[in-house]
Amino acid sequence: MMQPQQLVHPFPPLFDRESRVLILGSFPSVKSREQMFFYGHPQNRFWRVIARLYDAPEPTDIEQKTHLILSHHLSLWDSIRSCTIVGSSDSSVRDVTPNDLSVILDHSRVERIFCNGALSHRMYHRYIEPIIGIPAVKLPSTSPANASYSLERLVREWRVIL
């Protein structure tokens, strides 16, 4: 059985001056931490959903993923800066310190914020929204743990970011 680990988010946000939409996950999975990039688990449907929304090919490497996000004025980060976690389990997350979103908000044109899943939204609503005052929209998680959502249903629900 895996032991809880106290971890700090290991990689920076993805954004540029033209980013208008911020998509927040909760905290990087084991696979994402290994790759040092967002949504690294091959079963996570995030990249498939974004590619379908923008009628783009599904990106296969970090360079293509970065291009897909920035070319559509999106930005990516997570609600949690540090926490105690077991593996990639959202339900195990404890001792949360939120991310400081000013690094993105002060250097981009972000006007709308979306949370990928319930934990991200809960952490955002609890720790970050009271500081910055921008409400976030909760979207269904693209995680493989959210098996009740088909890819088609995720794409339908995620259309609100367009």
Protein backbone atom coordinates (compact mmCIF):
# COMPACT_ATOMS: atom_id res chain seq x y z
CA MET A 1 0.00 0.00 0.00
CA MET A 2 1.24 3.47 -0.92
CA GLN A 3 2.09 5.93 1.81
CA PRO A 4 0.87 9.52 1.92
CA GLN A 5 3.45 12.01 0.63
CA GLN A 6 3.70 15.74 1.30
CA LEU A 7 4.26 17.18 -2.19
CA VAL A 8 4.69 20.58 -3.81
CA HIS A 9 3.41 21.18 -7.34
CA PRO A 10 6.46 20.34 -9.49
CA PHE A 11 5.91 22.37 -12.68
CA PRO A 12 4.80 25.89 -13.65
CA PRO A 13 1.49 27.04 -15.11
CA LEU A 14 1.01 27.08 -18.88
CA PHE A 15 -0.14 30.47 -20.16
CA ASP A 16 0.88 33.50 -22.20
CA ARG A 17 -0.19 37.14 -22.46
CA GLU A 18 -3.06 36.19 -24.81
CA SER A 19 -4.63 33.55 -22.52
CA ARG A 20 -8.28 34.36 -21.84
CA VAL A 21 -9.53 31.15 -20.24
CA LEU A 22 -7.95 29.37 -17.27
CA ILE A 23 -8.57 25.66 -16.74
CA LEU A 24 -7.64 24.42 -13.27
CA GLY A 25 -7.09 20.82 -12.28
CA SER A 26 -6.66 19.83 -8.66
CA PHE A 27 -3.09 18.45 -8.33
CA PRO A 28 -0.92 16.56 -10.84
CA SER A 29 -1.29 12.78 -10.97
CA VAL A 30 1.70 10.48 -10.54
CA LYS A 31 2.00 10.24 -14.37
CA SER A 32 1.80 14.03 -14.75
CA ARG A 33 4.45 14.48 -12.06
CA GLU A 34 6.68 11.99 -13.91
CA GLN A 35 6.20 13.85 -17.22
CA MET A 36 6.33 17.29 -15.55
CA PHE A 37 3.28 18.31 -17.58
CA PHE A 38 -0.49 18.48 -17.33
CA TYR A 39 -2.81 15.49 -17.81
CA GLY A 40 -0.07 12.93 -18.37
CA HIS A 41 -2.08 9.77 -17.67
CA PRO A 42 -2.89 8.14 -21.02
CA GLN A 43 -6.44 7.33 -19.84
CA ASN A 44 -7.19 10.94 -18.88
CA ARG A 45 -9.47 12.34 -21.58
CA PHE A 46 -8.46 15.99 -21.22
CA TRP A 47 -6.41 16.18 -24.43
CA ARG A 48 -9.06 14.31 -26.43
CA VAL A 49 -11.77 16.68 -25.17
CA ILE A 50 -9.79 19.86 -25.96
CA ALA A 51 -8.80 18.55 -29.40
CA ARG A 52 -12.44 17.78 -30.25
CA LEU A 53 -13.66 21.16 -28.99
CA TYR A 54 -11.26 22.95 -31.32
CA ASP A 55 -11.49 20.45 -34.17
CA ALA A 56 -7.76 19.80 -33.86
CA PRO A 57 -5.69 16.63 -34.00
CA GLU A 58 -5.14 15.02 -30.61
CA PRO A 59 -1.70 16.15 -29.40
CA THR A 60 0.83 13.42 -28.67
CA ASP A 61 3.73 15.29 -27.07
CA ILE A 62 4.30 18.26 -24.77
CA GLU A 63 5.14 20.60 -27.65
CA GLN A 64 1.86 19.79 -29.45
CA LYS A 65 -0.11 20.04 -26.18
CA THR A 66 1.44 23.43 -25.43
CA HIS A 67 0.59 24.67 -28.93
CA LEU A 68 -3.02 23.43 -28.65
CA ILE A 69 -3.55 25.30 -25.38
CA LEU A 70 -1.81 28.57 -26.25
CA SER A 71 -3.10 28.81 -29.83
CA HIS A 72 -6.67 28.84 -28.46
CA HIS A 73 -5.90 31.43 -25.74
CA LEU A 74 -6.25 28.89 -22.94
CA SER A 75 -4.12 28.44 -19.85
CA LEU A 76 -3.61 25.52 -17.47
CA TRP A 77 -2.78 25.17 -13.82
CA ASP A 78 -4.04 23.53 -10.67
CA SER A 79 -5.91 24.78 -7.61
CA ILE A 80 -3.48 23.10 -5.20
CA ARG A 81 0.14 24.23 -4.70
CA SER A 82 0.98 21.61 -2.09
CA CYS A 83 -0.77 18.82 -0.25
CA THR A 84 -0.47 15.43 1.33
CA ILE A 85 -1.61 12.80 -1.18
CA VAL A 86 -1.54 9.04 -1.71
CA GLY A 87 -0.55 8.35 -5.34
CA SER A 88 -3.04 10.22 -7.55
CA SER A 89 -6.09 9.80 -5.31
CA ASP A 90 -8.23 12.94 -5.02
CA SER A 91 -10.00 11.45 -2.02
CA SER A 92 -6.68 11.21 -0.14
CA VAL A 93 -5.77 14.91 -0.50
CA ARG A 94 -5.10 16.64 2.84
CA ASP A 95 -3.15 19.63 4.22
CA VAL A 96 -3.84 21.81 1.18
CA THR A 97 -2.05 25.02 0.31
CA PRO A 98 -3.70 26.73 -2.69
CA ASN A 99 -1.86 28.05 -5.73
CA ASP A 100 -1.43 31.80 -6.11
CA LEU A 101 -3.15 32.56 -9.41
CA SER A 102 -1.84 36.13 -9.57
CA VAL A 103 1.17 34.85 -11.53
CA ILE A 104 -1.30 34.10 -14.36
CA LEU A 105 -3.97 36.74 -13.79
CA ASP A 106 -1.47 39.63 -13.63
CA HIS A 107 0.25 38.60 -16.88
CA SER A 108 -2.60 37.45 -19.12
CA ARG A 109 -6.09 38.40 -20.26
CA VAL A 110 -7.85 35.62 -18.32
CA GLU A 111 -11.49 36.53 -17.72
CA ARG A 112 -13.06 33.10 -17.20
CA ILE A 113 -12.02 30.22 -14.96
CA PHE A 114 -13.11 26.59 -15.22
CA CYS A 115 -12.34 23.73 -12.85
CA ASN A 116 -11.72 20.21 -14.13
CA GLY A 117 -13.62 18.20 -11.54
CA ALA A 118 -15.10 18.51 -8.07
CA LEU A 119 -11.90 18.64 -5.98
CA SER A 120 -10.40 21.44 -8.08
CA HIS A 121 -13.65 23.40 -7.79
CA ARG A 122 -13.99 22.80 -4.05
CA MET A 123 -10.40 23.97 -3.41
CA TYR A 124 -10.83 26.97 -5.71
CA HIS A 125 -14.11 27.99 -4.08
CA ARG A 126 -12.71 27.55 -0.56
CA TYR A 127 -9.26 29.11 -0.90
CA ILE A 128 -8.89 31.15 -4.09
CA GLU A 129 -12.25 32.68 -5.05
CA PRO A 130 -12.52 34.68 -1.79
CA ILE A 131 -9.18 36.34 -2.65
CA ILE A 132 -9.63 37.05 -6.38
CA GLY A 133 -13.43 37.32 -6.56
CA ILE A 134 -13.85 35.49 -9.87
CA PRO A 135 -16.33 32.61 -9.69
CA ALA A 136 -15.28 29.42 -11.44
CA VAL A 137 -17.44 26.99 -13.40
CA LYS A 138 -17.19 23.35 -12.33
CA LEU A 139 -16.80 20.97 -15.27
CA PRO A 140 -16.99 17.18 -15.10
CA SER A 141 -13.60 15.61 -14.52
CA THR A 142 -11.75 14.21 -17.53
CA SER A 143 -10.08 11.68 -15.20
CA PRO A 144 -10.49 7.97 -15.94
CA ALA A 145 -12.00 7.74 -12.43
CA ASN A 146 -15.04 9.61 -13.81
CA ALA A 147 -16.20 6.57 -15.78
CA SER A 148 -19.87 7.60 -15.77
CA TYR A 149 -19.08 10.24 -18.42
CA SER A 150 -18.50 9.13 -22.01
CA LEU A 151 -16.09 11.13 -24.15
CA GLU A 152 -19.06 12.53 -26.11
CA ARG A 153 -20.78 13.67 -22.90
CA LEU A 154 -17.57 15.32 -21.65
CA VAL A 155 -17.18 17.18 -24.94
CA ARG A 156 -20.80 18.38 -24.71
CA GLU A 157 -20.36 19.63 -21.12
CA TRP A 158 -16.97 21.22 -21.83
CA ARG A 159 -18.36 23.29 -24.78
CA VAL A 160 -18.98 26.13 -22.29
CA ILE A 161 -15.27 27.04 -22.47
CA LEU A 162 -15.64 28.06 -26.13
